[in-house]
C-alpha atoms as a PDB file:
ATOM      1  CA  MET A   1       0.000   0.000   0.000  1.00  0.00           C
ATOM      2  CA  PRO A   2       1.613   3.335  -1.027  1.00  0.00           C
ATOM      3  CA  ALA A   3       2.461   5.977   1.549  1.00  0.00           C
ATOM      4  CA  SER A   4       0.042   8.878   1.854  1.00  0.00           C
ATOM      5  CA  SER A   5       0.985  12.442   0.986  1.00  0.00           C
ATOM      6  CA  GLU A   6       0.731  13.349   4.689  1.00  0.00           C
ATOM      7  CA  PHE A   7       3.252  10.669   5.662  1.00  0.00           C
ATOM      8  CA  ILE A   8       5.616  11.735   2.880  1.00  0.00           C
ATOM      9  CA  ALA A   9       5.388  15.331   4.123  1.00  0.00           C
ATOM     10  CA  LEU A  10       6.287  14.146   7.635  1.00  0.00           C
ATOM     11  CA  CYS A  11       9.274  12.213   6.265  1.00  0.00           C
ATOM     12  CA  GLN A  12      10.424  15.317   4.410  1.00  0.00           C
ATOM     13  CA  SER A  13      10.232  17.392   7.594  1.00  0.00           C
ATOM     14  CA  GLN A  14      12.261  14.796   9.533  1.00  0.00           C
ATOM     15  CA  VAL A  15      14.869  14.607   6.769  1.00  0.00           C
ATOM     16  CA  ALA A  16      15.063  18.415   6.828  1.00  0.00           C
ATOM     17  CA  LEU A  17      15.645  18.202  10.592  1.00  0.00           C
ATOM     18  CA  LEU A  18      18.521  15.790  10.014  1.00  0.00           C
ATOM     19  CA  THR A  19      19.965  18.020   7.300  1.00  0.00           C
ATOM     20  CA  GLU A  20      19.569  21.442   8.863  1.00  0.00           C
ATOM     21  CA  GLY A  21      19.713  20.529  12.541  1.00  0.00           C
ATOM     22  CA  LEU A  22      22.312  17.758  12.617  1.00  0.00           C
ATOM     23  CA  GLY A  23      24.318  18.454   9.474  1.00  0.00           C
ATOM     24  CA  ALA A  24      23.493  15.268   7.577  1.00  0.00           C
ATOM     25  CA  VAL A  25      24.597  15.299   3.941  1.00  0.00           C
ATOM     26  CA  LEU A  26      22.646  12.151   3.099  1.00  0.00           C
ATOM     27  CA  SER A  27      19.317  10.888   4.436  1.00  0.00           C
ATOM     28  CA  ILE A  28      16.978   8.277   2.975  1.00  0.00           C
ATOM     29  CA  VAL A  29      13.686   6.911   4.313  1.00  0.00           C
ATOM     30  CA  TYR A  30      12.847   3.458   2.970  1.00  0.00           C
ATOM     31  CA  LEU A  31       9.595   1.541   3.346  1.00  0.00           C
ATOM     32  CA  THR A  32       9.191  -2.170   2.784  1.00  0.00           C
ATOM     33  CA  ASP A  33       6.842  -3.243   0.020  1.00  0.00           C
ATOM     34  CA  GLU A  34       5.069  -5.346   2.664  1.00  0.00           C
ATOM     35  CA  PHE A  35       5.202  -5.370   6.454  1.00  0.00           C
ATOM     36  CA  THR A  36       7.127  -8.399   7.687  1.00  0.00           C
ATOM     37  CA  GLU A  37       9.054  -9.784  10.643  1.00  0.00           C
ATOM     38  CA  VAL A  38      11.969 -10.775   8.408  1.00  0.00           C
ATOM     39  CA  ALA A  39      14.469  -8.603   6.598  1.00  0.00           C
ATOM     40  CA  SER A  40      13.905 -10.079   3.125  1.00  0.00           C
ATOM     41  CA  ALA A  41      11.236  -7.604   1.993  1.00  0.00           C
ATOM     42  CA  LYS A  42      12.085  -5.189  -0.808  1.00  0.00           C
ATOM     43  CA  LEU A  43      12.944  -1.655   0.317  1.00  0.00           C
ATOM     44  CA  VAL A  44      11.485   1.280  -1.599  1.00  0.00           C
ATOM     45  CA  PRO A  45      12.910   4.813  -1.093  1.00  0.00           C
ATOM     46  CA  ILE A  46      10.159   7.260  -0.095  1.00  0.00           C
ATOM     47  CA  VAL A  47      12.110  10.440   0.684  1.00  0.00           C
ATOM     48  CA  ALA A  48      15.796  11.156   0.061  1.00  0.00           C
ATOM     49  CA  TYR A  49      18.211  14.064   0.449  1.00  0.00           C
ATOM     50  CA  PRO A  50      19.713  14.825  -1.982  1.00  0.00           C
ATOM     51  CA  GLU A  51      16.852  13.487  -4.094  1.00  0.00           C
ATOM     52  CA  ALA A  52      19.242  11.873  -6.577  1.00  0.00           C
ATOM     53  CA  VAL A  53      20.631   9.459  -3.978  1.00  0.00           C
ATOM     54  CA  ALA A  54      17.355   7.536  -3.802  1.00  0.00           C
ATOM     55  CA  ASP A  55      18.600   5.359  -6.681  1.00  0.00           C
ATOM     56  CA  TRP A  56      22.249   5.245  -5.654  1.00  0.00           C
ATOM     57  CA  GLY A  57      24.077   2.101  -4.678  1.00  0.00           C
ATOM     58  CA  ASP A  58      26.471   1.712  -1.750  1.00  0.00           C
ATOM     59  CA  ASP A  59      29.478   2.703  -3.873  1.00  0.00           C
ATOM     60  CA  GLN A  60      27.908   6.029  -4.832  1.00  0.00           C
ATOM     61  CA  ILE A  61      26.932   6.834  -1.236  1.00  0.00           C
ATOM     62  CA  PHE A  62      30.513   6.045  -0.191  1.00  0.00           C
ATOM     63  CA  LEU A  63      31.771   8.365  -2.924  1.00  0.00           C
ATOM     64  CA  LEU A  64      29.549  11.204  -1.690  1.00  0.00           C
ATOM     65  CA  LEU A  65      30.886  10.823   1.849  1.00  0.00           C
ATOM     66  CA  SER A  66      34.485  10.577   0.657  1.00  0.00           C
ATOM     67  CA  ARG A  67      34.129  13.811  -1.292  1.00  0.00           C
ATOM     68  CA  GLY A  68      32.511  15.414   1.729  1.00  0.00           C
ATOM     69  CA  GLN A  69      35.616  14.675   3.814  1.00  0.00           C
ATOM     70  CA  ARG A  70      37.668  16.828   1.444  1.00  0.00           C
ATOM     71  CA  LEU A  71      35.196  19.744   1.357  1.00  0.00           C
ATOM     72  CA  SER A  72      34.658  22.205   4.167  1.00  0.00           C
ATOM     73  CA  ASN A  73      31.299  23.473   2.845  1.00  0.00           C
ATOM     74  CA  PRO A  74      28.616  20.729   2.678  1.00  0.00           C
ATOM     75  CA  ASP A  75      26.639  22.770   0.135  1.00  0.00           C
ATOM     76  CA  ARG A  76      29.400  22.131  -2.383  1.00  0.00           C
ATOM     77  CA  LEU A  77      28.495  18.465  -2.288  1.00  0.00           C
ATOM     78  CA  LEU A  78      25.348  19.078  -4.302  1.00  0.00           C
ATOM     79  CA  PRO A  79      26.204  20.720  -7.657  1.00  0.00           C
ATOM     80  CA  SER A  80      24.266  19.090 -10.463  1.00  0.00           C
ATOM     81  CA  ALA A  81      27.457  18.017 -12.191  1.00  0.00           C
ATOM     82  CA  ALA A  82      28.499  16.011  -9.133  1.00  0.00           C
ATOM     83  CA  LEU A  83      25.326  13.895  -9.112  1.00  0.00           C
ATOM     84  CA  PRO A  84      25.226  10.803 -11.363  1.00  0.00           C
ATOM     85  CA  SER A  85      22.693  11.059 -14.174  1.00  0.00           C
ATOM     86  CA  SER A  86      23.064   7.546 -15.554  1.00  0.00           C
ATOM     87  CA  ARG A  87      24.397   4.078 -14.803  1.00  0.00           C
ATOM     88  CA  SER A  88      27.596   4.816 -16.778  1.00  0.00           C
ATOM     89  CA  THR A  89      28.309   7.900 -14.669  1.00  0.00           C
ATOM     90  CA  ALA A  90      27.823   5.897 -11.505  1.00  0.00           C
ATOM     91  CA  SER A  91      30.145   3.165 -12.766  1.00  0.00           C
ATOM     92  CA  THR A  92      32.861   5.680 -13.706  1.00  0.00           C
ATOM     93  CA  SER A  93      32.640   7.348 -10.295  1.00  0.00           C
ATOM     94  CA  ALA A  94      32.844   4.017  -8.528  1.00  0.00           C
ATOM     95  CA  ASP A  95      35.875   2.951 -10.589  1.00  0.00           C
ATOM     96  CA  GLY A  96      37.641   6.197  -9.775  1.00  0.00           C
ATOM     97  CA  LEU A  97      36.903   5.782  -6.103  1.00  0.00           C
ATOM     98  CA  GLU A  98      38.260   2.233  -6.087  1.00  0.00           C
ATOM     99  CA  SER A  99      41.480   3.463  -7.712  1.00  0.00           C
ATOM    100  CA  ASP A 100      41.902   6.153  -5.055  1.00  0.00           C
ATOM    101  CA  LEU A 101      41.358   3.646  -2.273  1.00  0.00           C
ATOM    102  CA  GLU A 102      43.789   1.151  -3.744  1.00  0.00           C
ATOM    103  CA  ALA A 103      46.402   3.925  -3.898  1.00  0.00           C
ATOM    104  CA  ASP A 104      46.031   4.490  -0.134  1.00  0.00           C
ATOM    105  CA  THR A 105      47.889   2.378   2.393  1.00  0.00           C
ATOM    106  CA  HIS A 106      45.938  -0.430   4.018  1.00  0.00           C
ATOM    107  CA  PRO A 107      45.793   1.189   7.503  1.00  0.00           C
ATOM    108  CA  LEU A 108      44.426   4.419   6.038  1.00  0.00           C
ATOM    109  CA  HIS A 109      41.889   2.494   4.030  1.00  0.00           C
ATOM    110  CA  ALA A 110      40.759   0.634   7.151  1.00  0.00           C
ATOM    111  CA  ALA A 111      40.587   3.895   9.087  1.00  0.00           C
ATOM    112  CA  LYS A 112      38.385   5.445   6.424  1.00  0.00           C
ATOM    113  CA  GLN A 113      36.051   2.467   6.517  1.00  0.00           C
ATOM    114  CA  ALA A 114      35.866   2.570  10.310  1.00  0.00           C
ATOM    115  CA  LEU A 115      35.152   6.302  10.226  1.00  0.00           C
ATOM    116  CA  LEU A 116      32.428   5.786   7.644  1.00  0.00           C
ATOM    117  CA  ARG A 117      30.808   3.161   9.822  1.00  0.00           C
ATOM    118  CA  GLN A 118      30.616   5.781  12.568  1.00  0.00           C
ATOM    119  CA  GLN A 119      29.364   8.485  10.211  1.00  0.00           C
ATOM    120  CA  GLN A 120      26.440   6.529   8.813  1.00  0.00           C
ATOM    121  CA  ILE A 121      23.511   5.312  10.886  1.00  0.00           C
ATOM    122  CA  VAL A 122      21.007   2.735   9.672  1.00  0.00           C
ATOM    123  CA  LEU A 123      17.952   2.263  11.882  1.00  0.00           C
ATOM    124  CA  PRO A 124      14.957  -0.002  11.237  1.00  0.00           C
ATOM    125  CA  LEU A 125      11.468   1.450  11.366  1.00  0.00           C
ATOM    126  CA  MET A 126       9.806  -1.137  13.595  1.00  0.00           C
ATOM    127  CA  HIS A 127       6.537  -1.525  15.471  1.00  0.00           C
ATOM    128  CA  GLU A 128       5.797  -4.587  17.587  1.00  0.00           C
ATOM    129  CA  ASP A 129       8.645  -6.561  15.955  1.00  0.00           C
ATOM    130  CA  VAL A 130       7.329  -5.775  12.468  1.00  0.00           C
ATOM    131  CA  VAL A 131       9.844  -4.162  10.098  1.00  0.00           C
ATOM    132  CA  MET A 132       8.254  -1.343   8.104  1.00  0.00           C
ATOM    133  CA  GLY A 133      11.336   0.305   6.634  1.00  0.00           C
ATOM    134  CA  LEU A 134      14.739   1.862   7.261  1.00  0.00           C
ATOM    135  CA  LEU A 135      16.166   5.275   8.063  1.00  0.00           C
ATOM    136  CA  VAL A 136      19.642   5.843   6.621  1.00  0.00           C
ATOM    137  CA  THR A 137      21.543   9.033   7.418  1.00  0.00           C
ATOM    138  CA  ALA A 138      25.182  10.109   7.267  1.00  0.00           C
ATOM    139  CA  ARG A 139      27.419  13.144   7.380  1.00  0.00           C
ATOM    140  CA  ALA A 140      30.921  13.719   6.087  1.00  0.00           C
ATOM    141  CA  ASP A 141      32.738  15.981   8.523  1.00  0.00           C
ATOM    142  CA  ARG A 142      32.459  14.132  11.848  1.00  0.00           C
ATOM    143  CA  ALA A 143      31.002  11.105  13.579  1.00  0.00           C
ATOM    144  CA  TRP A 144      27.721  11.190  15.460  1.00  0.00           C
ATOM    145  CA  ASN A 145      27.918  11.731  19.206  1.00  0.00           C
ATOM    146  CA  GLU A 146      25.676   9.960  21.704  1.00  0.00           C
ATOM    147  CA  SER A 147      23.183  12.826  21.981  1.00  0.00           C
ATOM    148  CA  GLU A 148      22.815  13.045  18.206  1.00  0.00           C
ATOM    149  CA  GLN A 149      22.363   9.287  17.925  1.00  0.00           C
ATOM    150  CA  THR A 150      19.562   9.527  20.496  1.00  0.00           C
ATOM    151  CA  GLN A 151      17.862  12.239  18.413  1.00  0.00           C
ATOM    152  CA  ILE A 152      18.135  10.102  15.285  1.00  0.00           C
ATOM    153  CA  LYS A 153      16.635   7.126  17.124  1.00  0.00           C
ATOM    154  CA  GLN A 154      13.737   9.349  18.209  1.00  0.00           C
ATOM    155  CA  ILE A 155      13.230  10.428  14.596  1.00  0.00           C
ATOM    156  CA  ALA A 156      13.168   6.768  13.523  1.00  0.00           C
ATOM    157  CA  GLU A 157      10.625   5.975  16.249  1.00  0.00           C
ATOM    158  CA  THR A 158       8.492   8.938  15.148  1.00  0.00           C
ATOM    159  CA  LEU A 159       8.548   7.727  11.548  1.00  0.00           C
ATOM    160  CA  ALA A 160       7.695   4.167  12.615  1.00  0.00           C
ATOM    161  CA  ILE A 161       4.672   5.303  14.637  1.00  0.00           C
ATOM    162  CA  ALA A 162       3.550   7.630  11.847  1.00  0.00           C
ATOM    163  CA  CYS A 163       3.960   4.829   9.306  1.00  0.00           C
ATOM    164  CA  ILE A 164       1.784   2.364  11.206  1.00  0.00           C
ATOM    165  CA  LEU A 165      -0.862   5.047  11.818  1.00  0.00           C
ATOM    166  CA  ASP A 166      -0.778   5.973   8.129  1.00  0.00           C
ATOM    167  CA  GLN A 167      -1.186   2.353   7.060  1.00  0.00           C
ATOM    168  CA  ARG A 168      -3.988   1.774   9.560  1.00  0.00           C
ATOM    169  CA  ALA A 169      -5.792   4.873   8.305  1.00  0.00           C
ATOM    170  CA  GLN A 170      -5.500   3.594   4.734  1.00  0.00           C
ATOM    171  CA  TRP A 171      -6.659   0.124   5.760  1.00  0.00           C
ATOM    172  CA  LEU A 172      -9.645   1.673   7.534  1.00  0.00           C
ATOM    173  CA  ALA A 173     -10.488   3.832   4.520  1.00  0.00           C
ATOM    174  CA  GLN A 174     -10.198   0.809   2.246  1.00  0.00           C
ATOM    175  CA  ASP A 175     -12.386  -1.255   4.572  1.00  0.00           C
ATOM    176  CA  GLN A 176     -15.000   1.507   4.676  1.00  0.00           C
ATOM    177  CA  LEU A 177     -14.966   1.678   0.880  1.00  0.00           C
ATOM    178  CA  GLN A 178     -15.460  -2.080   0.631  1.00  0.00           C
ATOM    179  CA  GLN A 179     -18.285  -1.919   3.166  1.00  0.00           C
ATOM    180  CA  ARG A 180     -19.962   0.875   1.199  1.00  0.00           C
ATOM    181  CA  LEU A 181     -19.669  -1.084  -2.054  1.00  0.00           C
ATOM    182  CA  LEU A 182     -21.064  -4.148  -0.300  1.00  0.00           C
ATOM    183  CA  ARG A 183     -24.025  -2.146   1.008  1.00  0.00           C
ATOM    184  CA  GLU A 184     -24.698  -0.792  -2.477  1.00  0.00           C
ATOM    185  CA  GLN A 185     -24.617  -4.290  -3.950  1.00  0.00           C
ATOM    186  CA  ARG A 186     -26.890  -5.594  -1.200  1.00  0.00           C
ATOM    187  CA  HIS A 187     -29.278  -2.693  -1.814  1.00  0.00           C
ATOM    188  CA  ASP A 188     -29.410  -3.540  -5.523  1.00  0.00           C
ATOM    189  CA  VAL A 189     -30.111  -7.210  -4.748  1.00  0.00           C
ATOM    190  CA  PHE A 190     -32.937  -6.375  -2.331  1.00  0.00           C
ATOM    191  CA  ASP A 191     -34.390  -3.806  -4.689  1.00  0.00           C
ATOM    192  CA  ASN A 192     -34.398  -6.326  -7.520  1.00  0.00           C
ATOM    193  CA  LEU A 193     -36.029  -9.005  -5.341  1.00  0.00           C
ATOM    194  CA  LEU A 194     -38.709  -6.595  -4.151  1.00  0.00           C
ATOM    195  CA  HIS A 195     -39.396  -5.574  -7.732  1.00  0.00           C
ATOM    196  CA  GLN A 196     -39.809  -9.217  -8.738  1.00  0.00           C
ATOM    197  CA  PHE A 197     -42.133  -9.793  -5.778  1.00  0.00           C
ATOM    198  CA  ARG A 198     -44.180  -6.657  -6.388  1.00  0.00           C
ATOM    199  CA  ASN A 199     -45.286  -7.554  -9.929  1.00  0.00           C
ATOM    200  CA  PRO A 200     -46.905 -10.942  -9.169  1.00  0.00           C
ATOM    201  CA  LEU A 201     -48.403  -9.497  -5.965  1.00  0.00           C
ATOM    202  CA  THR A 202     -50.076  -6.742  -7.979  1.00  0.00           C
ATOM    203  CA  ALA A 203     -51.368  -9.329 -10.436  1.00  0.00           C
ATOM    204  CA  LEU A 204     -52.681 -11.494  -7.584  1.00  0.00           C
ATOM    205  CA  ARG A 205     -54.449  -8.530  -5.972  1.00  0.00           C
ATOM    206  CA  THR A 206     -56.056  -7.576  -9.293  1.00  0.00           C
ATOM    207  CA  PHE A 207     -57.159 -11.166  -9.832  1.00  0.00           C
ATOM    208  CA  GLY A 208     -58.740 -11.250  -6.350  1.00  0.00           C
ATOM    209  CA  LYS A 209     -60.721  -8.072  -7.014  1.00  0.00           C
ATOM    210  CA  LEU A 210     -61.975  -9.322 -10.366  1.00  0.00           C
ATOM    211  CA  LEU A 211     -62.924 -12.662  -8.850  1.00  0.00           C
ATOM    212  CA  ALA A 212     -64.803 -11.003  -5.989  1.00  0.00           C
ATOM    213  CA  LYS A 213     -66.833  -8.941  -8.459  1.00  0.00           C
ATOM    214  CA  ARG A 214     -67.819 -11.988 -10.495  1.00  0.00           C
ATOM    215  CA  LEU A 215     -68.982 -14.026  -7.507  1.00  0.00           C
ATOM    216  CA  ARG A 216     -72.334 -13.508  -5.898  1.00  0.00           C
ATOM    217  CA  PRO A 217     -72.525 -12.318  -2.279  1.00  0.00           C
ATOM    218  CA  GLY A 218     -73.711 -15.693  -1.004  1.00  0.00           C
ATOM    219  CA  ASP A 219     -71.033 -17.682  -2.795  1.00  0.00           C
ATOM    220  CA  THR A 220     -68.530 -19.273  -0.403  1.00  0.00           C
ATOM    221  CA  ASN A 221     -65.709 -18.627  -2.879  1.00  0.00           C
ATOM    222  CA  ARG A 222     -66.368 -14.907  -2.584  1.00  0.00           C
ATOM    223  CA  ASN A 223     -64.855 -14.957   0.918  1.00  0.00           C
ATOM    224  CA  VAL A 224     -61.746 -16.570  -0.538  1.00  0.00           C
ATOM    225  CA  ALA A 225     -61.489 -13.864  -3.191  1.00  0.00           C
ATOM    226  CA  GLU A 226     -61.957 -11.118  -0.612  1.00  0.00           C
ATOM    227  CA  GLY A 227     -59.277 -12.780   1.557  1.00  0.00           C
ATOM    228  CA  ILE A 228     -56.884 -12.686  -1.388  1.00  0.00           C
ATOM    229  CA  VAL A 229     -57.498  -8.966  -1.815  1.00  0.00           C
ATOM    230  CA  ARG A 230     -57.154  -8.320   1.924  1.00  0.00           C
ATOM    231  CA  GLU A 231     -53.849 -10.195   2.283  1.00  0.00           C
ATOM    232  CA  SER A 232     -52.552  -8.616  -0.918  1.00  0.00           C
ATOM    233  CA  ASP A 233     -53.200  -5.171   0.543  1.00  0.00           C
ATOM    234  CA  ARG A 234     -51.338  -6.195   3.694  1.00  0.00           C
ATOM    235  CA  LEU A 235     -48.367  -7.422   1.670  1.00  0.00           C
ATOM    236  CA  GLN A 236     -48.394  -4.155  -0.282  1.00  0.00           C
ATOM    237  CA  GLU A 237     -48.005  -2.246   2.993  1.00  0.00           C
ATOM    238  CA  LEU A 238     -45.120  -4.499   3.997  1.00  0.00           C
ATOM    239  CA  LEU A 239     -43.485  -3.864   0.624  1.00  0.00           C
ATOM    240  CA  LYS A 240     -43.617  -0.121   1.269  1.00  0.00           C
ATOM    241  CA  GLN A 241     -41.851  -0.672   4.597  1.00  0.00           C
ATOM    242  CA  PHE A 242     -39.222  -2.832   2.877  1.00  0.00           C
ATOM    243  CA  ASP A 243     -38.660  -0.097   0.298  1.00  0.00           C
ATOM    244  CA  ALA A 244     -38.163   2.470   3.037  1.00  0.00           C
ATOM    245  CA  ALA A 245     -35.885   0.189   5.084  1.00  0.00           C
ATOM    246  CA  ILE A 246     -33.398  -0.626   2.321  1.00  0.00           C
ATOM    247  CA  ASP A 247     -32.828   3.088   1.687  1.00  0.00           C
ATOM    248  CA  LEU A 248     -31.927   3.833   5.326  1.00  0.00           C
ATOM    249  CA  ASP A 249     -28.310   4.498   6.268  1.00  0.00           C
ATOM    250  CA  GLU A 250     -26.815   2.986   9.425  1.00  0.00           C
ATOM    251  CA  TYR A 251     -27.754   5.965  11.628  1.00  0.00           C
ATOM    252  CA  ASP A 252     -31.367   6.104  10.458  1.00  0.00           C
ATOM    253  CA  LEU A 253     -31.683   2.321  10.620  1.00  0.00           C
ATOM    254  CA  TYR A 254     -30.524   2.302  14.256  1.00  0.00           C
ATOM    255  CA  HIS A 255     -33.133   4.879  15.272  1.00  0.00           C
ATOM    256  CA  TRP A 256     -35.778   3.135  13.185  1.00  0.00           C
ATOM    257  CA  LEU A 257     -35.104  -0.102  15.056  1.00  0.00           C
ATOM    258  CA  ASN A 258     -34.811   1.668  18.428  1.00  0.00           C
ATOM    259  CA  PRO A 259     -37.543   4.316  18.530  1.00  0.00           C
ATOM    260  CA  ALA A 260     -37.435   4.399  22.356  1.00  0.00           C
ATOM    261  CA  THR A 261     -33.826   5.600  22.285  1.00  0.00           C
ATOM    262  CA  GLU A 262     -34.696   8.460  19.959  1.00  0.00           C
ATOM    263  CA  ALA A 263     -37.681   9.434  22.135  1.00  0.00           C
ATOM    264  CA  ASN A 264     -35.530   9.537  25.291  1.00  0.00           C
ATOM    265  CA  SER A 265     -32.902  11.703  23.616  1.00  0.00           C
END
């Protein structure tokens, strides 16, 4: 089930908080294509900063952070020319990065990897042991301290709660739509059945009247004919009540079935 526009707006505000408040140069909110207790579900990016990184692989994210270490101004990380526009651009950037890393000594390479592990935080969006997505965020100039990590965890918890509420609201709306469609179908069925019942009842009532006119007052069959007319009239009144009942909504039907409650109110 796709995320609502309200949930996406909330994700954007939380990503902006990471960017402007905590100095993150990369933040991505992923949702799973289905809620599950295992980690095998496909992750779909919902909101990303910069927007182009939503389709990046790990090598491109690593490249962004590596460039950020050599730049003092994070805004310089985002010129359009620096963002990959195709698979070939991404491949070229990754190849260049691998060459630079191979040129470094092994200790420096290991130090860079350790630093990157401290600079990036990946938190699951979970509710009652159900994985709903991931929050990925990173910055280039320094590692996250304990207070900042706590804030990021709170953001992840906020997104998880908002996600489950958003999905429940959509499930409820979908259920209400299905219930409304079911009521409409049921109304059509009842209306069709009443229509089929009304026609022969009208014919039977007409036949009873004609028969009563043809029979003499003392004829015993005349009472039968008059009984047919009388019961037909009674069924006609019941049909009118059926017609009125199938057009009632739930509120009106409740008060129709409980007239004492309406009188007391």
